Structures are given as C-alpha cells and as structure tokens.
Amino acid sequence: MTEDPEGDSRGRIRKHVGWWIGVIAGLCGIAGLIFSITTKDEFTLKEWRQQADAVCDDLSGSLLDKWATAAGAVGTLEEGGYQSADYQSAADAWLAAEQSVRKLTSEIGKIEMPNSHKENISRLLDDLTATGNADGMLAVDLGTEVLTEGSEAAKDRHDEPAAKAQQDFKELDVSHCFGFPPSD
C-alpha cells in the first residue's frame, strides 16, 4: 500500500486551521469581555437622583418633625427663662434631630455614586455630616446647660452647615430634599 502524501498534508492543515480558529475564538472572547467591562453602563446622575429622592421621601416627615421640635424646644427654653427641665427637653430634641440627619446621611451614602458627580455627592455627604455634628454639639451644650441667653448663636452652628447641604441638594437637583436640612 502506498501512502497518500497529499492526505497527510490535508490532515495537518485541518489541524492547524482548527487550532488557529480556536485561538482566534479565544482572543475574540477575551476582547469581548474587556470591551464589555470598559463600556459597562455607568450609574447615572439621574438614577442616583431618583434613589436620593426616594430616601428623602422615606425620611422627610420624621426629620422635619424632629427639627421643628428641636427649634421649638430652643424657643421654649428662651421664653421660659432657661429652666433646667427646658434645657434637657431641648437637648433631647436636638439629639433626636442629629440621629435623623445621620440616618439621612447614611442612606444617601449607600447609593452608588455616578463617576461624573462623585465630588458633588461627597461634598453633600460631608455637609450633611457637619449638620449632624452641629446638631449633636448643640444637644451637648444644651444638656450641660452651657448656653444661656443668646442660645440663638449656638443654633447658628446648625444653620451654616445646613445651608451648605441645602445648596448641595439644589446643585444635584434632588428635588425631594429641597429644604433639607432647614436653616433660618
């Protein structure tokens, strides 16, 4: 029997072609994976805003009530001649407001940030944290009865970071949070 030299070379060619097709298919798969990772849909500001608005919807009533109670407690303190019981009521009210601000900050902080607005959202979170800190410091000062006539100056500590947070919400167009946190 004689061997067919052409048949041998055809078999080798088929093996090589099959091998090259496998290599090319593998490279195409890797390229496709890299392409899909790099062109992944980015989380958009619109999606972030919708989630932030939902957070504000969930927390708005409680938070605004706590701020109104806290502001009213300071008014009662001033009108009542700075009595110890009024100090404690005001301190408790501002402590509750601080906890609500921290809850709002935490919930907004859990939302994925769009790359295009990370700086603005980080500033919002910083300003909300500063508002919570100011409310907490005011609660401590009221609880230790440090504040006397002129407690309005202490309440101003809340107003500055609160005004910054309001501006941040406006810049990000989070409409359900306009007025959060209130400032005078």
N, C-alpha and C. Protein backbone atom coordinates (compact mmCIF):
# COMPACT_ATOMS: atom_id res chain seq x y z
N MET A 1 0.82 -1.18 0.00
CA MET A 1 0.00 0.00 0.00
C MET A 1 0.86 1.23 0.00
N THR A 2 0.43 2.15 -0.74
CA THR A 2 1.19 3.39 -0.80
C THR A 2 0.43 4.46 -0.02
N GLU A 3 1.19 5.27 0.63
CA GLU A 3 0.57 6.35 1.41
C GLU A 3 0.36 7.55 0.52
N ASP A 4 -0.70 8.24 0.78
CA ASP A 4 -1.03 9.43 0.01
C ASP A 4 -0.40 10.64 0.68
N PRO A 5 0.67 11.22 0.12
CA PRO A 5 1.30 12.38 0.75
C PRO A 5 0.35 13.58 0.83
N GLU A 6 -0.56 13.69 -0.12
CA GLU A 6 -1.48 14.83 -0.08
C GLU A 6 -2.46 14.68 1.08
N GLY A 7 -2.88 13.49 1.40
CA GLY A 7 -3.82 13.23 2.50
C GLY A 7 -3.21 13.60 3.85
N ASP A 8 -1.93 13.34 4.01
CA ASP A 8 -1.22 13.69 5.24
C ASP A 8 -1.16 15.20 5.42
N SER A 9 -0.85 15.88 4.38
CA SER A 9 -0.73 17.33 4.48
C SER A 9 -2.11 17.97 4.68
N ARG A 10 -3.16 17.35 4.11
CA ARG A 10 -4.52 17.87 4.33
C ARG A 10 -4.91 17.71 5.79
N GLY A 11 -4.58 16.63 6.40
CA GLY A 11 -4.89 16.39 7.80
C GLY A 11 -4.17 17.38 8.70
N ARG A 12 -2.89 17.62 8.37
CA ARG A 12 -2.12 18.60 9.14
C ARG A 12 -2.70 20.00 8.97
N ILE A 13 -3.08 20.33 7.78
CA ILE A 13 -3.65 21.66 7.51
C ILE A 13 -4.95 21.83 8.29
N ARG A 14 -5.78 20.78 8.31
CA ARG A 14 -7.04 20.84 9.05
C ARG A 14 -6.78 21.04 10.54
N LYS A 15 -5.78 20.34 11.08
CA LYS A 15 -5.44 20.51 12.48
C LYS A 15 -4.98 21.93 12.76
N HIS A 16 -4.13 22.46 11.91
CA HIS A 16 -3.63 23.82 12.11
C HIS A 16 -4.75 24.85 11.96
N VAL A 17 -5.59 24.67 10.98
CA VAL A 17 -6.72 25.60 10.79
C VAL A 17 -7.64 25.53 12.01
N GLY A 18 -7.94 24.35 12.49
CA GLY A 18 -8.78 24.19 13.68
C GLY A 18 -8.13 24.85 14.89
N TRP A 19 -6.84 24.66 15.02
CA TRP A 19 -6.11 25.26 16.15
C TRP A 19 -6.17 26.79 16.07
N TRP A 20 -5.93 27.34 14.88
CA TRP A 20 -5.97 28.79 14.72
C TRP A 20 -7.38 29.34 14.95
N ILE A 21 -8.35 28.62 14.51
CA ILE A 21 -9.74 29.06 14.75
C ILE A 21 -10.02 29.09 16.25
N GLY A 22 -9.54 28.09 16.98
CA GLY A 22 -9.70 28.06 18.44
C GLY A 22 -8.99 29.23 19.11
N VAL A 23 -7.78 29.53 18.67
CA VAL A 23 -7.02 30.66 19.23
C VAL A 23 -7.73 31.97 18.94
N ILE A 24 -8.19 32.15 17.71
CA ILE A 24 -8.87 33.39 17.33
C ILE A 24 -10.19 33.53 18.12
N ALA A 25 -10.91 32.45 18.27
CA ALA A 25 -12.17 32.50 19.04
C ALA A 25 -11.90 32.86 20.50
N GLY A 26 -10.83 32.29 21.07
CA GLY A 26 -10.47 32.63 22.45
C GLY A 26 -10.10 34.09 22.60
N LEU A 27 -9.31 34.60 21.64
CA LEU A 27 -8.94 36.01 21.68
C LEU A 27 -10.16 36.91 21.52
N CYS A 28 -11.07 36.52 20.66
CA CYS A 28 -12.31 37.30 20.48
C CYS A 28 -13.12 37.30 21.77
N GLY A 29 -13.17 36.18 22.45
CA GLY A 29 -13.89 36.11 23.73
C GLY A 29 -13.27 37.03 24.76
N ILE A 30 -11.94 37.02 24.85
CA ILE A 30 -11.25 37.90 25.80
C ILE A 30 -11.47 39.36 25.43
N ALA A 31 -11.37 39.67 24.14
CA ALA A 31 -11.59 41.05 23.69
C ALA A 31 -13.02 41.49 24.00
N GLY A 32 -13.98 40.59 23.80
CA GLY A 32 -15.36 40.92 24.10
C GLY A 32 -15.58 41.18 25.58
N LEU A 33 -14.94 40.39 26.42
CA LEU A 33 -15.03 40.59 27.87
C LEU A 33 -14.45 41.94 28.27
N ILE A 34 -13.27 42.25 27.75
CA ILE A 34 -12.64 43.54 28.06
C ILE A 34 -13.52 44.69 27.58
N PHE A 35 -14.06 44.56 26.38
CA PHE A 35 -14.93 45.60 25.84
C PHE A 35 -16.17 45.79 26.70
N SER A 36 -16.77 44.69 27.14
CA SER A 36 -17.99 44.81 27.95
C SER A 36 -17.70 45.42 29.31
N ILE A 37 -16.53 45.14 29.86
CA ILE A 37 -16.17 45.72 31.15
C ILE A 37 -15.91 47.22 31.01
N THR A 38 -15.18 47.61 29.96
CA THR A 38 -14.83 49.02 29.80
C THR A 38 -16.01 49.87 29.33
N THR A 39 -16.97 49.28 28.68
CA THR A 39 -18.11 50.06 28.20
C THR A 39 -19.36 49.79 29.03
N LYS A 40 -19.17 49.23 30.21
CA LYS A 40 -20.30 48.95 31.11
C LYS A 40 -21.09 50.22 31.33
N ASP A 41 -22.40 50.09 31.34
CA ASP A 41 -23.24 51.25 31.58
C ASP A 41 -22.91 51.84 32.94
N GLU A 42 -22.55 53.10 32.93
CA GLU A 42 -22.21 53.78 34.17
C GLU A 42 -23.49 54.18 34.89
N PHE A 43 -23.44 54.09 36.20
CA PHE A 43 -24.55 54.55 37.02
C PHE A 43 -24.69 56.05 36.78
N THR A 44 -25.86 56.50 36.41
CA THR A 44 -26.03 57.89 36.01
C THR A 44 -26.51 58.77 37.17
N LEU A 45 -26.34 60.05 36.99
CA LEU A 45 -26.82 61.01 37.98
C LEU A 45 -28.34 60.91 38.10
N LYS A 46 -29.01 60.67 36.99
CA LYS A 46 -30.47 60.55 37.02
C LYS A 46 -30.88 59.39 37.92
N GLU A 47 -30.19 58.25 37.80
CA GLU A 47 -30.50 57.09 38.65
C GLU A 47 -30.19 57.40 40.11
N TRP A 48 -29.06 58.08 40.35
CA TRP A 48 -28.69 58.44 41.72
C TRP A 48 -29.74 59.37 42.31
N ARG A 49 -30.14 60.36 41.51
CA ARG A 49 -31.13 61.34 41.97
C ARG A 49 -32.45 60.67 42.33
N GLN A 50 -32.89 59.71 41.52
CA GLN A 50 -34.14 59.01 41.80
C GLN A 50 -34.06 58.28 43.14
N GLN A 51 -32.93 57.64 43.39
CA GLN A 51 -32.77 56.93 44.66
C GLN A 51 -32.65 57.89 45.83
N ALA A 52 -31.97 59.01 45.63
CA ALA A 52 -31.85 60.01 46.70
C ALA A 52 -33.22 60.61 47.01
N ASP A 53 -34.01 60.88 45.98
CA ASP A 53 -35.36 61.39 46.21
C ASP A 53 -36.20 60.39 47.00
N ALA A 54 -36.05 59.11 46.70
CA ALA A 54 -36.79 58.07 47.43
C ALA A 54 -36.38 58.04 48.91
N VAL A 55 -35.09 58.20 49.17
CA VAL A 55 -34.61 58.25 50.56
C VAL A 55 -35.24 59.45 51.27
N CYS A 56 -35.24 60.59 50.61
CA CYS A 56 -35.82 61.79 51.21
C CYS A 56 -37.32 61.61 51.45
N ASP A 57 -38.00 60.96 50.52
CA ASP A 57 -39.43 60.69 50.72
C ASP A 57 -39.65 59.85 51.96
N ASP A 58 -38.80 58.85 52.15
CA ASP A 58 -38.94 57.96 53.30
C ASP A 58 -38.67 58.67 54.63
N LEU A 59 -37.73 59.59 54.64
CA LEU A 59 -37.27 60.18 55.89
C LEU A 59 -37.78 61.59 56.14
N SER A 60 -38.42 62.19 55.17
CA SER A 60 -38.75 63.61 55.27
C SER A 60 -39.65 63.96 56.45
N GLY A 61 -40.72 63.23 56.62
CA GLY A 61 -41.66 63.58 57.70
C GLY A 61 -41.01 63.52 59.06
N SER A 62 -40.34 62.47 59.34
CA SER A 62 -39.69 62.28 60.64
C SER A 62 -38.62 63.33 60.88
N LEU A 63 -37.79 63.56 59.89
CA LEU A 63 -36.69 64.51 60.04
C LEU A 63 -37.19 65.93 60.24
N LEU A 64 -38.12 66.34 59.41
CA LEU A 64 -38.64 67.71 59.55
C LEU A 64 -39.36 67.90 60.88
N ASP A 65 -40.07 66.88 61.33
CA ASP A 65 -40.73 66.95 62.64
C ASP A 65 -39.69 67.12 63.75
N LYS A 66 -38.61 66.39 63.67
CA LYS A 66 -37.58 66.47 64.71
C LYS A 66 -36.90 67.83 64.72
N TRP A 67 -36.66 68.39 63.54
CA TRP A 67 -36.08 69.74 63.50
C TRP A 67 -37.05 70.77 64.05
N ALA A 68 -38.33 70.64 63.71
CA ALA A 68 -39.33 71.58 64.21
C ALA A 68 -39.42 71.47 65.74
N THR A 69 -39.40 70.25 66.25
CA THR A 69 -39.44 70.05 67.70
C THR A 69 -38.21 70.66 68.36
N ALA A 70 -37.05 70.45 67.75
CA ALA A 70 -35.81 70.98 68.32
C ALA A 70 -35.81 72.51 68.32
N ALA A 71 -36.23 73.11 67.22
CA ALA A 71 -36.29 74.58 67.17
C ALA A 71 -37.31 75.10 68.18
N GLY A 72 -38.44 74.41 68.31
CA GLY A 72 -39.45 74.80 69.29
C GLY A 72 -38.95 74.67 70.71
N ALA A 73 -38.14 73.65 70.97
CA ALA A 73 -37.60 73.45 72.32
C ALA A 73 -36.64 74.58 72.69
N VAL A 74 -35.88 75.06 71.71
CA VAL A 74 -34.99 76.20 71.99
C VAL A 74 -35.84 77.44 72.27
N GLY A 75 -36.93 77.60 71.53
CA GLY A 75 -37.83 78.72 71.79
C GLY A 75 -38.44 78.65 73.18
N THR A 76 -38.85 77.46 73.59
CA THR A 76 -39.40 77.26 74.94
C THR A 76 -38.35 77.58 75.99
N LEU A 77 -37.13 77.17 75.74
CA LEU A 77 -36.02 77.44 76.66
C LEU A 77 -35.84 78.95 76.84
N GLU A 78 -35.82 79.67 75.74
CA GLU A 78 -35.62 81.13 75.79
C GLU A 78 -36.80 81.81 76.48
N GLU A 79 -38.01 81.38 76.12
CA GLU A 79 -39.21 82.02 76.69
C GLU A 79 -39.39 81.67 78.17
N GLY A 80 -38.94 80.49 78.58
CA GLY A 80 -39.15 80.04 79.95
C GLY A 80 -38.07 80.49 80.91
N GLY A 81 -37.15 81.30 80.47
CA GLY A 81 -36.13 81.82 81.36
C GLY A 81 -35.01 80.83 81.66
N TYR A 82 -34.77 79.91 80.74
CA TYR A 82 -33.63 78.98 80.84
C TYR A 82 -33.72 78.10 82.09
N GLN A 83 -34.80 77.35 82.18
CA GLN A 83 -35.01 76.40 83.28
C GLN A 83 -34.34 75.06 82.94
N SER A 84 -33.87 74.33 83.96
CA SER A 84 -33.17 73.06 83.75
C SER A 84 -34.00 72.05 82.96
N ALA A 85 -35.27 71.95 83.25
CA ALA A 85 -36.12 70.99 82.54
C ALA A 85 -36.20 71.34 81.05
N ASP A 86 -36.23 72.64 80.76
CA ASP A 86 -36.28 73.08 79.36
C ASP A 86 -34.96 72.79 78.65
N TYR A 87 -33.86 72.92 79.36
CA TYR A 87 -32.56 72.58 78.77
C TYR A 87 -32.56 71.10 78.34
N GLN A 88 -33.02 70.25 79.23
CA GLN A 88 -32.99 68.81 78.93
C GLN A 88 -33.91 68.47 77.76
N SER A 89 -35.09 69.10 77.71
CA SER A 89 -36.01 68.86 76.59
C SER A 89 -35.38 69.30 75.27
N ALA A 90 -34.74 70.46 75.30
CA ALA A 90 -34.08 70.97 74.09
C ALA A 90 -32.93 70.05 73.68
N ALA A 91 -32.15 69.61 74.67
CA ALA A 91 -31.02 68.71 74.37
C ALA A 91 -31.52 67.42 73.74
N ASP A 92 -32.57 66.85 74.30
CA ASP A 92 -33.12 65.61 73.76
C ASP A 92 -33.64 65.81 72.34
N ALA A 93 -34.27 66.94 72.10
CA ALA A 93 -34.82 67.23 70.77
C ALA A 93 -33.70 67.37 69.74
N TRP A 94 -32.63 68.06 70.09
CA TRP A 94 -31.51 68.21 69.15
C TRP A 94 -30.77 66.91 68.95
N LEU A 95 -30.71 66.08 69.97
CA LEU A 95 -30.10 64.76 69.83
C LEU A 95 -30.91 63.90 68.86
N ALA A 96 -32.22 63.95 68.96
CA ALA A 96 -33.07 63.22 68.02
C ALA A 96 -32.90 63.74 66.59
N ALA A 97 -32.75 65.06 66.45
CA ALA A 97 -32.52 65.64 65.13
C ALA A 97 -31.19 65.15 64.57
N GLU A 98 -30.17 65.12 65.42
CA GLU A 98 -28.85 64.63 64.97
C GLU A 98 -28.96 63.20 64.46
N GLN A 99 -29.66 62.35 65.18
CA GLN A 99 -29.80 60.96 64.77
C GLN A 99 -30.53 60.84 63.44
N SER A 100 -31.51 61.69 63.21
CA SER A 100 -32.23 61.67 61.93
C SER A 100 -31.34 62.14 60.78
N VAL A 101 -30.51 63.14 61.03
CA VAL A 101 -29.58 63.61 60.00
C VAL A 101 -28.58 62.50 59.67
N ARG A 102 -28.11 61.82 60.69
CA ARG A 102 -27.15 60.72 60.46
C ARG A 102 -27.82 59.60 59.65
N LYS A 103 -29.08 59.33 59.90
CA LYS A 103 -29.82 58.30 59.14
C LYS A 103 -29.92 58.73 57.68
N LEU A 104 -30.27 59.98 57.43
CA LEU A 104 -30.36 60.50 56.07
C LEU A 104 -29.00 60.40 55.38
N THR A 105 -27.95 60.81 56.07
CA THR A 105 -26.60 60.76 55.51
C THR A 105 -26.22 59.32 55.17
N SER A 106 -26.51 58.41 56.07
CA SER A 106 -26.18 57.00 55.86
C SER A 106 -26.92 56.43 54.65
N GLU A 107 -28.20 56.71 54.56
CA GLU A 107 -28.99 56.16 53.45
C GLU A 107 -28.56 56.73 52.11
N ILE A 108 -28.27 58.02 52.06
CA ILE A 108 -27.80 58.62 50.81
C ILE A 108 -26.41 58.10 50.48
N GLY A 109 -25.60 57.88 51.49
CA GLY A 109 -24.25 57.37 51.28
C GLY A 109 -24.22 55.95 50.74
N LYS A 110 -25.28 55.20 50.92
CA LYS A 110 -25.36 53.82 50.42
C LYS A 110 -25.63 53.75 48.93
N ILE A 111 -26.08 54.84 48.35
CA ILE A 111 -26.42 54.85 46.93
C ILE A 111 -25.12 54.91 46.12
N GLU A 112 -25.06 54.07 45.08
CA GLU A 112 -23.89 54.08 44.20
C GLU A 112 -23.73 55.47 43.59
N MET A 113 -22.49 55.97 43.57
CA MET A 113 -22.23 57.31 43.05
C MET A 113 -21.84 57.25 41.57
N PRO A 114 -22.46 58.10 40.76
CA PRO A 114 -22.01 58.18 39.37
C PRO A 114 -20.62 58.83 39.34
N ASN A 115 -19.75 58.30 38.52
CA ASN A 115 -18.38 58.83 38.46
C ASN A 115 -18.34 60.31 38.14
N SER A 116 -19.28 60.76 37.33
CA SER A 116 -19.26 62.16 36.89
C SER A 116 -19.60 63.16 38.00
N HIS A 117 -20.16 62.69 39.12
CA HIS A 117 -20.58 63.62 40.18
C HIS A 117 -20.11 63.20 41.57
N LYS A 118 -19.07 62.38 41.63
CA LYS A 118 -18.59 61.89 42.93
C LYS A 118 -18.20 63.04 43.85
N GLU A 119 -17.56 64.05 43.31
CA GLU A 119 -17.11 65.18 44.12
C GLU A 119 -18.29 65.92 44.74
N ASN A 120 -19.32 66.17 43.93
CA ASN A 120 -20.51 66.89 44.43
C ASN A 120 -21.25 66.08 45.49
N ILE A 121 -21.38 64.78 45.26
CA ILE A 121 -22.10 63.93 46.22
C ILE A 121 -21.29 63.78 47.49
N SER A 122 -19.98 63.67 47.36
CA SER A 122 -19.12 63.60 48.56
C SER A 122 -19.23 64.87 49.38
N ARG A 123 -19.30 66.02 48.70
CA ARG A 123 -19.47 67.30 49.41
C ARG A 123 -20.81 67.33 50.13
N LEU A 124 -21.86 66.83 49.49
CA LEU A 124 -23.18 66.75 50.13
C LEU A 124 -23.10 65.90 51.39
N LEU A 125 -22.48 64.74 51.29
CA LEU A 125 -22.36 63.85 52.45
C LEU A 125 -21.55 64.52 53.56
N ASP A 126 -20.48 65.23 53.19
CA ASP A 126 -19.68 65.95 54.18
C ASP A 126 -20.50 67.03 54.87
N ASP A 127 -21.29 67.76 54.09
CA ASP A 127 -22.10 68.84 54.66
C ASP A 127 -23.24 68.29 55.53
N LEU A 128 -23.81 67.16 55.14
CA LEU A 128 -24.82 66.52 56.00
C LEU A 128 -24.19 66.03 57.29
N THR A 129 -22.99 65.48 57.19
CA THR A 129 -22.28 65.04 58.40
C THR A 129 -22.00 66.23 59.31
N ALA A 130 -21.57 67.35 58.72
CA ALA A 130 -21.31 68.56 59.51
C ALA A 130 -22.60 69.05 60.18
N THR A 131 -23.72 68.94 59.49
CA THR A 131 -25.00 69.35 60.07
C THR A 131 -25.34 68.45 61.26
N GLY A 132 -25.17 67.14 61.09
CA GLY A 132 -25.41 66.22 62.20
C GLY A 132 -24.49 66.51 63.37
N ASN A 133 -23.22 66.78 63.07
CA ASN A 133 -22.26 67.10 64.14
C ASN A 133 -22.67 68.38 64.88
N ALA A 134 -23.08 69.38 64.12
CA ALA A 134 -23.51 70.64 64.74
C ALA A 134 -24.74 70.43 65.62
N ASP A 135 -25.68 69.62 65.13
CA ASP A 135 -26.88 69.34 65.93
C ASP A 135 -26.50 68.58 67.20
N GLY A 136 -25.56 67.65 67.09
CA GLY A 136 -25.09 66.90 68.26
C GLY A 136 -24.37 67.79 69.26
N MET A 137 -23.53 68.70 68.76
CA MET A 137 -22.83 69.62 69.67
C MET A 137 -23.81 70.54 70.37
N LEU A 138 -24.83 70.97 69.64
CA LEU A 138 -25.86 71.81 70.25
C LEU A 138 -26.59 71.03 71.34
N ALA A 139 -26.87 69.76 71.10
CA ALA A 139 -27.52 68.92 72.12
C ALA A 139 -26.65 68.81 73.36
N VAL A 140 -25.36 68.63 73.17
CA VAL A 140 -24.44 68.53 74.32
C VAL A 140 -24.42 69.84 75.10
N ASP A 141 -24.30 70.95 74.39
CA ASP A 141 -24.27 72.25 75.06
C ASP A 141 -25.57 72.51 75.83
N LEU A 142 -26.69 72.13 75.24
CA LEU A 142 -27.96 72.31 75.93
C LEU A 142 -28.07 71.37 77.12
N GLY A 143 -27.61 70.16 76.98
CA GLY A 143 -27.68 69.18 78.06
C GLY A 143 -26.81 69.54 79.26
N THR A 144 -25.73 70.24 79.00
CA THR A 144 -24.85 70.65 80.11
C THR A 144 -25.16 72.07 80.56
N GLU A 145 -26.22 72.63 80.02
CA GLU A 145 -26.70 73.96 80.36
C GLU A 145 -25.62 75.02 80.20
N VAL A 146 -24.80 74.83 79.18
CA VAL A 146 -23.74 75.79 78.87
C VAL A 146 -24.34 77.06 78.28
N LEU A 147 -25.39 76.87 77.50
CA LEU A 147 -25.97 78.02 76.80
C LEU A 147 -26.86 78.82 77.74
N THR A 148 -26.67 80.08 77.66
CA THR A 148 -27.55 80.98 78.40
C THR A 148 -28.12 81.94 77.39
N GLU A 149 -28.59 83.03 77.85
CA GLU A 149 -29.19 83.99 76.92
C GLU A 149 -28.28 84.13 75.72
N GLY A 150 -28.88 84.11 74.56
CA GLY A 150 -28.10 84.17 73.34
C GLY A 150 -27.93 82.78 72.74
N SER A 151 -28.83 81.84 73.10
CA SER A 151 -28.73 80.50 72.54
C SER A 151 -28.93 80.51 71.03
N GLU A 152 -29.41 81.63 70.53
CA GLU A 152 -29.57 81.78 69.09
C GLU A 152 -28.20 81.64 68.41
N ALA A 153 -27.14 82.11 69.05
CA ALA A 153 -25.80 81.98 68.48
C ALA A 153 -25.42 80.51 68.34
N ALA A 154 -25.80 79.70 69.31
CA ALA A 154 -25.50 78.27 69.23
C ALA A 154 -26.29 77.62 68.11
N LYS A 155 -27.54 78.03 67.93
CA LYS A 155 -28.35 77.47 66.86
C LYS A 155 -27.78 77.83 65.49
N ASP A 156 -27.04 78.93 65.42
CA ASP A 156 -26.40 79.31 64.17
C ASP A 156 -25.40 78.25 63.72
N ARG A 157 -24.86 77.49 64.67
CA ARG A 157 -23.94 76.40 64.29
C ARG A 157 -24.64 75.39 63.41
N HIS A 158 -25.92 75.18 63.62
CA HIS A 158 -26.71 74.29 62.77
C HIS A 158 -26.95 74.93 61.41
N ASP A 159 -27.20 76.22 61.41
CA ASP A 159 -27.62 76.89 60.19
C ASP A 159 -26.57 76.91 59.09
N GLU A 160 -25.30 77.11 59.43
CA GLU A 160 -24.27 77.20 58.39
C GLU A 160 -24.10 75.90 57.61
N PRO A 161 -23.85 74.76 58.29
CA PRO A 161 -23.73 73.52 57.50
C PRO A 161 -25.06 73.11 56.85
N ALA A 162 -26.18 73.45 57.50
CA ALA A 162 -27.48 73.13 56.92
C ALA A 162 -27.69 73.89 55.61
N ALA A 163 -27.29 75.13 55.58
CA ALA A 163 -27.41 75.93 54.35
C ALA A 163 -26.53 75.35 53.25
N LYS A 164 -25.35 74.87 53.60
CA LYS A 164 -24.46 74.25 52.60
C LYS A 164 -25.09 72.97 52.05
N ALA A 165 -25.67 72.17 52.93
CA ALA A 165 -26.32 70.93 52.48
C ALA A 165 -27.51 71.23 51.57
N GLN A 166 -28.27 72.28 51.91
CA GLN A 166 -29.38 72.69 51.06
C GLN A 166 -28.88 73.04 49.66
N GLN A 167 -27.78 73.79 49.62
CA GLN A 167 -27.21 74.18 48.33
C GLN A 167 -26.75 72.95 47.55
N ASP A 168 -26.15 72.00 48.24
CA ASP A 168 -25.70 70.77 47.58
C ASP A 168 -26.88 70.01 46.97
N PHE A 169 -27.98 69.90 47.72
CA PHE A 169 -29.17 69.24 47.19
C PHE A 169 -29.67 69.97 45.94
N LYS A 170 -29.67 71.28 45.98
CA LYS A 170 -30.14 72.06 44.82
C LYS A 170 -29.24 71.84 43.62
N GLU A 171 -27.92 71.86 43.83
CA GLU A 171 -26.98 71.66 42.73
C GLU A 171 -27.14 70.29 42.09
N LEU A 172 -27.45 69.29 42.90
CA LEU A 172 -27.64 67.94 42.39
C LEU A 172 -29.08 67.71 41.92
N ASP A 173 -29.93 68.71 42.07
CA ASP A 173 -31.34 68.67 41.65
C ASP A 173 -32.10 67.52 42.31
N VAL A 174 -31.84 67.34 43.59
CA VAL A 174 -32.58 66.34 44.37
C VAL A 174 -33.78 67.08 44.95
N SER A 175 -34.84 67.13 44.16
CA SER A 175 -35.98 67.99 44.49
C SER A 175 -36.74 67.56 45.73
N HIS A 176 -36.73 66.29 46.06
CA HIS A 176 -37.48 65.84 47.23
C HIS A 176 -36.74 66.16 48.53
N CYS A 177 -35.52 66.65 48.41
CA CYS A 177 -34.74 67.03 49.59
C CYS A 177 -34.57 68.54 49.72
N PHE A 178 -35.18 69.31 48.81
CA PHE A 178 -35.09 70.76 48.97
C PHE A 178 -35.67 71.11 50.33
N GLY A 179 -34.98 71.95 51.05
CA GLY A 179 -35.42 72.31 52.38
C GLY A 179 -34.83 71.40 53.44
N PHE A 180 -33.97 70.45 53.03
CA PHE A 180 -33.28 69.58 53.97
C PHE A 180 -31.85 70.02 54.02
N PRO A 181 -31.31 70.15 55.09
CA PRO A 181 -31.95 70.43 56.36
C PRO A 181 -32.36 71.88 56.41
N PRO A 182 -33.39 72.23 57.14
CA PRO A 182 -33.83 73.62 57.17
C PRO A 182 -32.82 74.52 57.88
N SER A 183 -32.71 75.70 57.40
CA SER A 183 -31.87 76.68 58.09
C SER A 183 -32.68 77.97 58.15
N ASP A 184 -32.36 78.78 59.09
CA ASP A 184 -33.11 80.03 59.24
C ASP A 184 -32.39 81.16 58.56
